[in-house]
Amino acid sequence: MTFPANDPTLSFSPAAIRAAAAVIGADGIVAVPTETVYGLAADATEPQAVARIYAAKGRPSFNPLIVHVPDLAAARELAEFDADALALAEAFWPGPLTLVRPLRAGAGIASLVTAGLDTVAIRVPRHRAMQALLAASGRPLAAPSANASGGISPTRAAHVRASLGPAVPILDDGATEAGLESTIVAGRTILRPGPVTGTMLAKVLGSVEQGPEAPAIVTAPGQLASHYAPRKPLRLNVTEAAADEWLIGFGAVEGQDTLSAIGDPVEAAARLFDALHRADASDPPRLAVAPIPVDGIGEAINDRLRRAATR
């Protein structure tokens, strides 16, 4: 079974799960329900696949994405867990709680997922469809809400189709249970309220606190954007580098590195954080980036670069 070309939607079944897993295995994206909302899933270890999430959603920000895994053991392969995190995981997983934890060295998660941070937002979902897809694909899945950026989160397959159009494959398993995105917690701080309430968390931890509405650094979805900035000054929209600059090229503009030699914005998004890290570690004291078109995902790339250039 494969997703129909004219309306790529399949109802939940073992065959539909195999079809969705094949899409994931080919570095594609597929909308799948969780107990919170429908998520737009891709292999969290493949930068190109993750970049397709941002492209499909329209005007994304480079906020970290939540990584979905099948169980606590899989989560501990990707992230470090202290006693508080283990207590929360044992109390609320599988379920609508996301934990922001230090990323393990060599975890293999694409830097686009974590927005270049040393932490990862991770969750064990309860929904049968997402659990089945995790099992069939054998990969950790990055999955933000399956809707155009800024829109209402989808709780039915029809919402996904209306928001993202006819091209995105959808695994339809009816309306979601919670209809509200997961609670996000870092340590004992609530970064985003959700179905697991502060009262429920406090019963496990003894006390919790609400994080700031406008944090200086975004560590999870649902916060105001603030992105990685290099240590060195960064100049934008440069077609010819100065003698003391490391130029990150794009398309016809060549440099010491390039986001995409063929001018592909999806490839550029996938390579952005790695390119900035390489540039920051280079010898020249200043950095420069070629112009990136503002269409589609390019708008998010430019937003990210503007913030990176602010000192």
Foldseek 3Di string as FASTA:
>chain_A
DEQDQQFREDEDDLVVLLNQLVCQVVLAWAWEDFLAFIWTKHFQLDLLSVLVQQLLQFADALFAFEWEAAAPVLVVLFFDDDPLRVLCRVVAPPHQEWEKGFTDPPSRGQCSNQLVDRIHTYHNTDDPSVNSNCVSNVGTIGIDFLFHPPDQGHQFPVRNCVGRHRRHRYHGHGGHNQNHHGFYDYDQETADDGPCHQVNSCVRVVHHYYDDQADCDRRHPPHDHAHAAAPAAEAEQDQDDDPLEFEAEADPRDGPHYQYVNRDVSSNSSCVSVVSVVRSPDDRRHYYYHDRDCGRCSVNVVVNVVNNNDD
